[in-house]
């Protein structure tokens, strides 16, 4: 395929840039990568086939933004001059595939509703021989607003690029095996393969890289610029080497490309990695990939739904466990059946009694939960000293907790200045005058 004349490229690029340079939200980009094949020389120069893969969130991303991914704008710059050598603003995708959720924990099913759209764009460029090589770039806005480790993610876009080394190398780039999004569990030790395959048989090594930004909410689909490219601003404690901000850090093995860590906070995080190609002991090239890691709470998948509780003497409690196909209860006290999800226990005497349930599934996953029952002689009432009215379903309401047959005649809540902020018979949700 012949290259489009440069003056036409620039004219068309500017025209399309002006068409798209309007304030708009385009939060849907969740990863991408770029690679190339060396196809040999022609009378016009050296032939390279560039492959761009972008990943979009097709569940929560904006459909209009996903539609305008096509066509892609791809530009080639000289490594030494940083001048535009070739470009195409009309590269249509040849493949569009919805990927299955990729979970590092086989027991985790929370990603079953995730949707990742992978689109591949391919373009052949004929480039003049160069002692310096070239950089091929693509830029697009924006990161999802839910991203936890990037400052103002919905106002920033991504840059994906690859480097073509000097022509004398006649190099085909390494290609990452891994796709865009991975789901893992909070407080789980994980290990994932971020390695790449090299068709030339070059040695490869790996390093964590900056998540690179490009495009903005004002220019959501710009004509790609030459490097060097700026890093996003990370939300501390996240960093380039520890993009999840995990207390124990993360480690990317430089020889195997195995990334390991233990996330200790829930959220959506962006990571990036470089694969460096070595030939004859000299680093000749690198390729770059950016992707998203989603950290979720998996403990609720196999949990007893009735947690620690208190009752008065003579009461009967029914437990409820879920998430599995088999159940086994272990206790030192009075249970109706130890192999069903919802057994009952009666309590004719005062004391503290523990119940442990082990839940298992067909795929071999197993989880354990413990319930403690405090049995009291008489009815009682307890008032919390704090609550968290943030709408997450946990401790959202400030109200008395009863043990035994009690009822509320009235509940009044006052602020530190003596002003009443709530009166009723239920509980306070933290609002005062509607706020």
Protein backbone atom coordinates (compact mmCIF):
# COMPACT_ATOMS: atom_id res chain seq x y z
CA UNK A 1 0.00 0.00 0.00
CA UNK A 2 1.52 3.31 -1.04
CA UNK A 3 1.88 6.09 1.49
CA UNK A 4 -0.39 9.12 1.24
CA UNK A 5 1.51 12.31 0.26
CA UNK A 6 2.60 14.15 3.39
CA UNK A 7 0.92 17.49 2.59
CA UNK A 8 -2.40 15.67 2.18
CA UNK A 9 -1.85 13.82 5.43
CA UNK A 10 -1.24 17.06 7.31
CA UNK A 11 -4.22 18.78 5.72
CA UNK A 12 -6.56 15.88 6.44
CA UNK A 13 -5.16 15.44 9.93
CA UNK A 14 -5.77 19.10 10.78
CA UNK A 15 -9.27 18.98 9.29
CA UNK A 16 -10.24 15.95 11.34
CA UNK A 17 -8.60 17.35 14.46
CA UNK A 18 -10.72 20.47 14.15
CA UNK A 19 -13.80 18.33 13.69
CA UNK A 20 -13.15 16.39 16.87
CA UNK A 21 -11.64 19.22 18.99
CA UNK A 22 -14.76 19.93 20.99
CA UNK A 23 -15.38 19.45 24.70
CA UNK A 24 -16.69 15.91 25.08
CA UNK A 25 -16.43 12.99 27.44
CA UNK A 26 -14.92 9.84 25.98
CA UNK A 27 -14.21 7.69 29.03
CA UNK A 28 -13.81 4.19 27.64
CA UNK A 29 -10.11 3.39 27.01
CA UNK A 30 -8.88 0.53 29.21
CA UNK A 31 -5.65 -0.46 27.48
CA UNK A 32 -3.74 -0.88 24.28
CA UNK A 33 -0.55 -1.98 22.56
CA UNK A 34 1.25 -1.63 19.24
CA UNK A 35 3.63 -3.93 17.33
CA UNK A 36 5.00 -4.33 13.81
CA UNK A 37 6.41 -6.82 11.28
CA UNK A 38 9.33 -6.18 8.98
CA UNK A 39 8.19 -7.19 5.46
CA UNK A 40 11.38 -6.49 3.51
CA UNK A 41 12.69 -3.82 1.17
CA UNK A 42 11.20 -2.38 -2.02
CA UNK A 43 12.47 0.21 -4.44
CA UNK A 44 10.63 2.87 -2.41
CA UNK A 45 12.01 1.86 1.00
CA UNK A 46 11.54 -0.60 3.85
CA UNK A 47 8.09 -2.16 4.40
CA UNK A 48 6.63 -2.43 7.91
CA UNK A 49 3.19 -3.69 8.87
CA UNK A 50 1.99 -1.91 12.03
CA UNK A 51 -0.64 -3.54 14.25
CA UNK A 52 -2.53 -1.38 16.78
CA UNK A 53 -4.83 -3.03 19.36
CA UNK A 54 -7.05 -0.91 21.58
CA UNK A 55 -9.34 -2.09 24.37
CA UNK A 56 -12.59 -0.32 25.26
CA UNK A 57 -14.97 -0.76 28.18
CA UNK A 58 -18.17 -1.87 26.44
CA UNK A 59 -20.11 -2.16 29.71
CA UNK A 60 -19.58 1.23 31.37
CA UNK A 61 -17.78 3.11 28.58
CA UNK A 62 -19.60 5.67 26.48
CA UNK A 63 -20.97 4.11 23.26
CA UNK A 64 -20.45 7.30 21.24
CA UNK A 65 -16.78 7.30 22.17
CA UNK A 66 -16.40 3.66 21.16
CA UNK A 67 -18.01 4.36 17.80
CA UNK A 68 -15.59 7.19 17.04
CA UNK A 69 -12.55 4.94 17.63
CA UNK A 70 -12.91 4.12 13.96
CA UNK A 71 -10.93 5.16 11.97
CA UNK A 72 -7.65 5.27 13.91
CA UNK A 73 -5.05 7.99 13.37
CA UNK A 74 -1.52 6.57 13.22
CA UNK A 75 1.65 8.65 12.74
CA UNK A 76 5.33 7.79 12.21
CA UNK A 77 8.14 10.08 13.38
CA UNK A 78 11.91 9.98 13.00
CA UNK A 79 13.62 9.00 16.25
CA UNK A 80 16.37 11.61 15.92
CA UNK A 81 14.51 14.43 14.16
CA UNK A 82 11.07 13.93 15.77
CA UNK A 83 9.70 15.02 12.39
CA UNK A 84 6.64 13.46 10.78
CA UNK A 85 7.62 10.88 8.15
CA UNK A 86 4.31 9.16 7.37
CA UNK A 87 0.76 8.99 8.69
CA UNK A 88 -2.72 7.74 7.97
CA UNK A 89 -5.96 9.14 9.43
CA UNK A 90 -8.21 6.56 7.80
CA UNK A 91 -7.11 3.22 9.29
CA UNK A 92 -10.24 1.13 9.85
CA UNK A 93 -10.29 -1.81 12.22
CA UNK A 94 -10.27 -5.30 10.68
CA UNK A 95 -11.17 -7.16 13.86
CA UNK A 96 -13.64 -6.33 16.66
CA UNK A 97 -14.01 -8.92 19.44
CA UNK A 98 -15.65 -8.97 22.88
CA UNK A 99 -13.22 -10.69 25.25
CA UNK A 100 -14.18 -13.03 28.07
CA UNK A 101 -13.43 -11.76 31.61
CA UNK A 102 -9.91 -12.66 32.71
CA UNK A 103 -9.75 -13.42 36.44
CA UNK A 104 -6.58 -14.39 38.29
CA UNK A 105 -8.70 -16.19 40.89
CA UNK A 106 -10.80 -19.06 39.46
CA UNK A 107 -13.20 -18.73 42.40
CA UNK A 108 -13.97 -15.12 41.56
CA UNK A 109 -17.09 -14.70 39.44
CA UNK A 110 -17.51 -10.96 39.98
CA UNK A 111 -16.16 -10.26 36.49
CA UNK A 112 -18.84 -12.29 34.71
CA UNK A 113 -20.60 -9.11 33.61
CA UNK A 114 -17.44 -7.31 32.50
CA UNK A 115 -17.24 -6.35 28.84
CA UNK A 116 -13.98 -5.61 27.03
CA UNK A 117 -14.06 -4.76 23.33
CA UNK A 118 -10.79 -5.43 21.49
CA UNK A 119 -10.27 -3.77 18.13
CA UNK A 120 -7.30 -4.30 15.82
CA UNK A 121 -6.09 -1.83 13.21
CA UNK A 122 -3.44 -2.68 10.60
CA UNK A 123 -1.49 -0.41 8.26
CA UNK A 124 1.55 -0.98 6.05
CA UNK A 125 4.11 1.83 5.85
CA UNK A 126 6.99 2.12 3.43
CA UNK A 127 9.76 4.06 5.19
CA UNK A 128 13.07 5.33 3.87
CA UNK A 129 16.15 3.58 5.31
CA UNK A 130 17.21 5.28 8.54
CA UNK A 131 20.26 5.00 10.83
CA UNK A 132 18.07 6.24 13.73
CA UNK A 133 14.78 4.39 13.28
CA UNK A 134 11.23 5.53 13.88
CA UNK A 135 8.49 5.85 16.51
CA UNK A 136 4.91 4.94 15.59
CA UNK A 137 2.24 6.55 17.79
CA UNK A 138 -1.49 6.62 18.52
CA UNK A 139 -3.34 8.79 21.05
CA UNK A 140 -6.93 8.67 22.30
CA UNK A 141 -9.06 10.02 25.16
CA UNK A 142 -10.04 9.12 27.85
CA UNK A 143 -9.41 6.87 30.85
CA UNK A 144 -12.54 5.74 32.78
CA UNK A 145 -13.64 8.11 35.50
CA UNK A 146 -13.55 5.19 37.97
CA UNK A 147 -9.76 4.84 37.64
CA UNK A 148 -8.30 4.92 41.16
CA UNK A 149 -4.60 5.62 40.53
CA UNK A 150 -4.69 8.46 37.96
CA UNK A 151 -5.39 12.12 38.76
CA UNK A 152 -8.40 13.41 36.74
CA UNK A 153 -8.63 10.24 34.62
CA UNK A 154 -11.69 11.30 32.63
CA UNK A 155 -9.79 14.41 31.44
CA UNK A 156 -6.77 12.46 30.20
CA UNK A 157 -6.22 10.08 27.32
CA UNK A 158 -3.65 7.41 26.53
CA UNK A 159 -0.65 7.05 24.26
CA UNK A 160 0.29 3.72 22.67
CA UNK A 161 3.46 3.51 20.63
CA UNK A 162 6.21 1.25 19.32
CA UNK A 163 9.80 1.92 18.29
CA UNK A 164 11.31 0.72 15.01
CA UNK A 165 15.11 0.50 15.41
CA UNK A 166 17.64 1.51 12.73
CA UNK A 167 16.96 -0.14 9.38
CA UNK A 168 20.11 -2.24 9.56
CA UNK A 169 18.44 -4.39 12.23
CA UNK A 170 15.55 -5.43 9.92
CA UNK A 171 13.62 -6.08 13.10
CA UNK A 172 10.17 -7.48 13.77
CA UNK A 173 8.95 -6.37 17.19
CA UNK A 174 8.12 -8.61 20.12
CA UNK A 175 4.38 -9.09 20.70
CA UNK A 176 2.77 -9.17 24.14
CA UNK A 177 0.71 -12.29 24.79
CA UNK A 178 -1.55 -10.70 27.37
CA UNK A 179 -4.75 -8.77 26.67
CA UNK A 180 -6.26 -5.69 28.24
CA UNK A 181 -8.06 -6.26 31.51
CA UNK A 182 -7.53 -8.57 34.47
CA UNK A 183 -9.65 -9.03 37.60
CA UNK A 184 -8.16 -10.03 40.94
CA UNK A 185 -9.20 -10.17 44.57
CA UNK A 186 -8.21 -7.84 47.37
CA UNK A 187 -5.62 -9.37 49.72
CA UNK A 188 -4.95 -12.22 47.25
CA UNK A 189 -1.37 -12.98 46.21
CA UNK A 190 -1.40 -12.96 42.40
CA UNK A 191 1.05 -13.78 39.63
CA UNK A 192 0.32 -12.94 36.00
CA UNK A 193 2.25 -13.51 32.81
CA UNK A 194 3.12 -10.27 30.99
CA UNK A 195 5.70 -11.86 28.69
CA UNK A 196 6.07 -11.28 24.96
CA UNK A 197 7.06 -13.50 22.03
CA UNK A 198 9.80 -12.39 19.63
CA UNK A 199 9.72 -13.81 16.08
CA UNK A 200 13.37 -12.91 15.46
CA UNK A 201 14.58 -14.96 18.42
CA UNK A 202 15.97 -11.89 20.22
CA UNK A 203 16.44 -12.05 23.98
CA UNK A 204 13.88 -10.02 25.91
CA UNK A 205 13.64 -8.40 29.33
CA UNK A 206 10.86 -6.55 31.11
CA UNK A 207 10.39 -3.41 33.20
CA UNK A 208 7.49 -1.48 34.68
CA UNK A 209 6.73 1.66 32.68
CA UNK A 210 4.87 4.92 33.16
CA UNK A 211 1.24 4.98 32.14
CA UNK A 212 1.53 7.47 29.30
CA UNK A 213 -1.06 10.13 28.66
CA UNK A 214 -2.08 11.62 25.34
CA UNK A 215 -5.16 13.48 24.11
CA UNK A 216 -7.47 15.37 26.45
CA UNK A 217 -11.12 16.06 27.01
CA UNK A 218 -10.77 19.03 24.65
CA UNK A 219 -9.07 16.97 21.90
CA UNK A 220 -10.38 13.48 22.39
CA UNK A 221 -8.98 12.10 19.13
CA UNK A 222 -5.97 14.16 18.11
CA UNK A 223 -3.47 13.68 15.33
CA UNK A 224 -0.76 11.72 17.24
CA UNK A 225 2.25 13.71 18.40
CA UNK A 226 5.93 12.81 18.47
CA UNK A 227 7.54 11.71 21.73
CA UNK A 228 8.81 11.84 24.33
CA UNK A 229 5.47 11.25 26.02
CA UNK A 230 4.44 12.46 29.47
CA UNK A 231 3.45 10.18 32.31
CA UNK A 232 0.06 10.48 33.95
CA UNK A 233 0.01 11.98 37.44
CA UNK A 234 -0.45 9.13 39.89
CA UNK A 235 -2.71 9.26 42.93
CA UNK A 236 -0.37 8.51 45.83
CA UNK A 237 0.63 6.03 47.12
CA UNK A 238 0.51 4.65 43.54
CA UNK A 239 3.73 4.99 41.52
CA UNK A 240 5.20 3.66 38.28
CA UNK A 241 6.76 0.67 40.06
CA UNK A 242 3.81 0.16 42.40
CA UNK A 243 0.78 1.31 40.37
CA UNK A 244 -1.72 -0.22 42.81
CA UNK A 245 -0.13 1.55 45.77
CA UNK A 246 -0.08 -1.78 47.61
CA UNK A 247 1.65 -1.80 51.01
CA UNK A 248 3.77 -4.79 49.98
CA UNK A 249 4.63 -3.33 46.57
CA UNK A 250 4.70 -5.19 43.25
CA UNK A 251 7.47 -7.06 41.45
CA UNK A 252 7.94 -7.62 37.72
CA UNK A 253 10.55 -10.33 37.08
CA UNK A 254 12.91 -8.84 34.48
CA UNK A 255 13.59 -12.18 32.77
CA UNK A 256 10.21 -13.94 32.84
CA UNK A 257 7.75 -11.03 32.71
CA UNK A 258 5.81 -12.46 35.66
CA UNK A 259 4.15 -9.66 37.64
CA UNK A 260 3.34 -10.47 41.27
CA UNK A 261 1.81 -8.58 44.16
CA UNK A 262 -0.92 -8.46 46.77
CA UNK A 263 -3.46 -5.63 46.31
CA UNK A 264 -4.79 -4.20 49.56
CA UNK A 265 -7.35 -1.73 48.20
CA UNK A 266 -10.36 -2.14 45.92
CA UNK A 267 -10.55 -0.19 42.64
CA UNK A 268 -9.64 0.04 38.96
CA UNK A 269 -5.94 0.64 38.28
CA UNK A 270 -3.84 1.25 35.17
CA UNK A 271 -0.45 -0.41 34.71
CA UNK A 272 2.14 -0.36 31.93
CA UNK A 273 5.12 -2.52 31.00
CA UNK A 274 8.01 -2.36 28.51
CA UNK A 275 9.48 -5.36 26.73
CA UNK A 276 13.09 -4.66 25.74
CA UNK A 277 14.64 -6.62 22.83
CA UNK A 278 18.32 -7.56 23.00
CA UNK A 279 20.52 -8.68 20.10
CA UNK A 280 24.19 -9.51 20.58
CA UNK A 281 24.05 -8.10 24.11
CA UNK A 282 22.76 -4.71 22.85
CA UNK A 283 19.25 -3.36 23.49
CA UNK A 284 17.88 -2.64 20.02
CA UNK A 285 14.20 -1.99 20.68
CA UNK A 286 11.29 -1.90 23.10
CA UNK A 287 7.52 -2.30 22.87
CA UNK A 288 4.97 -0.93 25.28
CA UNK A 289 1.64 -2.17 26.66
CA UNK A 290 -0.90 -0.49 28.91
CA UNK A 291 -3.70 -2.35 30.66
CA UNK A 292 -6.22 -2.22 33.50
CA UNK A 293 -6.33 -4.28 36.71
CA UNK A 294 -9.62 -4.43 38.59
CA UNK A 295 -9.38 -5.31 42.29
CA UNK A 296 -12.63 -6.57 43.82
CA UNK A 297 -13.80 -7.98 47.12
CA UNK A 298 -14.17 -11.71 46.54
CA UNK A 299 -14.79 -12.69 50.18
CA UNK A 300 -18.53 -12.14 49.77
CA UNK A 301 -18.73 -14.88 47.13
CA UNK A 302 -18.73 -17.55 49.82
CA UNK A 303 -20.07 -15.98 52.99
CA UNK A 304 -22.51 -16.68 55.76
CA UNK A 305 -25.07 -13.91 55.32
CA UNK A 306 -25.89 -13.73 59.05
CA UNK A 307 -22.88 -12.32 60.85
CA UNK A 308 -21.99 -12.12 64.56
CA UNK A 309 -25.14 -11.57 66.55
CA UNK A 310 -26.59 -11.42 70.06
CA UNK A 311 -29.82 -13.00 71.34
CA UNK A 312 -31.50 -13.59 74.70
CA UNK A 313 -31.66 -16.99 76.37
CA UNK A 314 -34.26 -19.30 74.80
CA UNK A 315 -34.00 -17.82 71.28
CA UNK A 316 -33.56 -19.78 68.03
CA UNK A 317 -31.28 -18.50 65.25
CA UNK A 318 -31.34 -19.58 61.60
CA UNK A 319 -28.06 -19.21 59.72
CA UNK A 320 -27.72 -18.58 55.98
CA UNK A 321 -24.68 -19.41 53.86
CA UNK A 322 -24.36 -19.18 50.09
CA UNK A 323 -22.12 -19.24 47.04
CA UNK A 324 -21.33 -22.95 46.94
CA UNK A 325 -22.72 -26.40 46.24
CA UNK A 326 -21.58 -28.14 49.43
CA UNK A 327 -21.59 -26.96 53.05
CA UNK A 328 -20.04 -28.22 56.25
CA UNK A 329 -20.66 -26.59 59.65
CA UNK A 330 -18.35 -27.02 62.63
CA UNK A 331 -19.48 -26.01 66.11
CA UNK A 332 -19.32 -26.89 69.78
CA UNK A 333 -23.05 -26.35 70.30
CA UNK A 334 -26.50 -27.45 69.17
CA UNK A 335 -27.08 -27.32 65.38
CA UNK A 336 -30.02 -28.83 63.48
CA UNK A 337 -28.01 -30.00 60.45
CA UNK A 338 -24.32 -29.53 59.66
CA UNK A 339 -24.46 -30.14 55.86
CA UNK A 340 -27.09 -27.63 54.65
CA UNK A 341 -26.72 -23.88 53.94
CA UNK A 342 -29.43 -22.72 56.40
CA UNK A 343 -29.39 -24.76 59.64
CA UNK A 344 -30.96 -23.60 62.93
CA UNK A 345 -29.55 -23.45 66.46
CA UNK A 346 -31.41 -22.96 69.75
CA UNK A 347 -29.89 -21.42 72.86
CA UNK A 348 -31.37 -22.47 76.23
CA UNK A 349 -28.44 -21.09 78.21
CA UNK A 350 -26.23 -18.00 78.46
CA UNK A 351 -22.83 -18.07 76.79
CA UNK A 352 -20.74 -17.34 73.68
CA UNK A 353 -20.97 -19.90 70.86
CA UNK A 354 -18.96 -20.11 67.60
CA UNK A 355 -20.01 -21.64 64.29
CA UNK A 356 -17.68 -22.19 61.33
CA UNK A 357 -19.00 -22.95 57.83
CA UNK A 358 -16.84 -24.27 54.99
CA UNK A 359 -18.37 -23.68 51.56
CA UNK A 360 -17.10 -25.41 48.43
CA UNK A 361 -17.96 -25.29 44.74
CA UNK A 362 -17.72 -27.73 41.85
CA UNK A 363 -14.61 -26.05 40.44
CA UNK A 364 -12.74 -26.77 43.67
CA UNK A 365 -12.95 -23.34 45.26
CA UNK A 366 -13.40 -23.31 49.00
CA UNK A 367 -14.07 -20.55 51.54
CA UNK A 368 -14.55 -20.36 55.30
CA UNK A 369 -16.63 -18.03 57.43
CA UNK A 370 -17.16 -17.78 61.19
CA UNK A 371 -20.24 -16.61 63.11
CA UNK A 372 -20.23 -15.86 66.85
CA UNK A 373 -23.49 -15.84 68.83
CA UNK A 374 -23.63 -14.04 72.20
CA UNK A 375 -26.49 -15.32 74.37
CA UNK A 376 -27.63 -12.93 77.13
CA UNK A 377 -29.86 -13.39 80.16
CA UNK A 378 -32.09 -10.36 79.54
CA UNK A 379 -33.08 -7.97 76.75
CA UNK A 380 -30.67 -5.14 76.08
CA UNK A 381 -30.11 -2.21 73.77
CA UNK A 382 -26.86 -0.90 72.30
CA UNK A 383 -26.15 2.41 70.59
CA UNK A 384 -23.33 2.73 68.04
CA UNK A 385 -20.74 5.47 68.61
CA UNK A 386 -20.15 6.01 64.88
CA UNK A 387 -21.67 5.26 61.46
CA UNK A 388 -20.74 5.74 57.77
CA UNK A 389 -23.66 7.09 55.71
CA UNK A 390 -22.03 6.71 52.27
CA UNK A 391 -24.61 4.46 50.63
CA UNK A 392 -22.49 1.29 50.50
CA UNK A 393 -24.98 -0.73 52.54
CA UNK A 394 -22.65 -1.01 55.55
CA UNK A 395 -23.42 0.96 58.72
CA UNK A 396 -25.35 3.58 56.75
CA UNK A 397 -28.04 4.17 59.41
CA UNK A 398 -27.55 5.42 62.98
CA UNK A 399 -30.03 3.55 65.16
CA UNK A 400 -30.22 1.44 68.33
CA UNK A 401 -29.59 -2.30 68.11
CA UNK A 402 -31.93 -4.45 70.22
CA UNK A 403 -31.34 -7.79 71.83
CA UNK A 404 -34.73 -9.26 72.68
CA UNK A 405 -38.23 -7.69 72.54
CA UNK A 406 -37.62 -3.93 72.55
CA UNK A 407 -39.06 -1.02 70.57
CA UNK A 408 -38.30 2.66 70.00
CA UNK A 409 -40.67 5.27 71.41
CA UNK A 410 -38.62 8.10 69.91
CA UNK A 411 -35.05 8.73 68.79
CA UNK A 412 -33.55 12.20 68.78
CA UNK A 413 -30.08 13.14 67.54
CA UNK A 414 -28.41 16.45 68.46
CA UNK A 415 -25.25 18.05 67.12
CA UNK A 416 -22.48 19.39 69.32
CA UNK A 417 -24.21 22.80 69.51
CA UNK A 418 -27.41 21.35 70.95
CA UNK A 419 -29.42 21.58 67.74
CA UNK A 420 -31.66 18.60 66.98
CA UNK A 421 -30.80 17.13 63.56
CA UNK A 422 -33.11 14.08 63.62
CA UNK A 423 -36.31 12.94 65.33
CA UNK A 424 -38.20 9.75 64.55
CA UNK A 425 -38.73 6.11 65.46
CA UNK A 426 -36.41 4.52 62.89
CA UNK A 427 -32.84 5.57 62.26
CA UNK A 428 -30.89 8.59 61.03
CA UNK A 429 -29.28 8.42 57.56
CA UNK A 430 -26.98 11.39 58.22
CA UNK A 431 -29.07 13.97 56.35
CA UNK A 432 -30.10 17.32 57.82
CA UNK A 433 -32.52 19.60 55.95
CA UNK A 434 -32.24 17.29 52.96
CA UNK A 435 -28.43 17.41 52.82
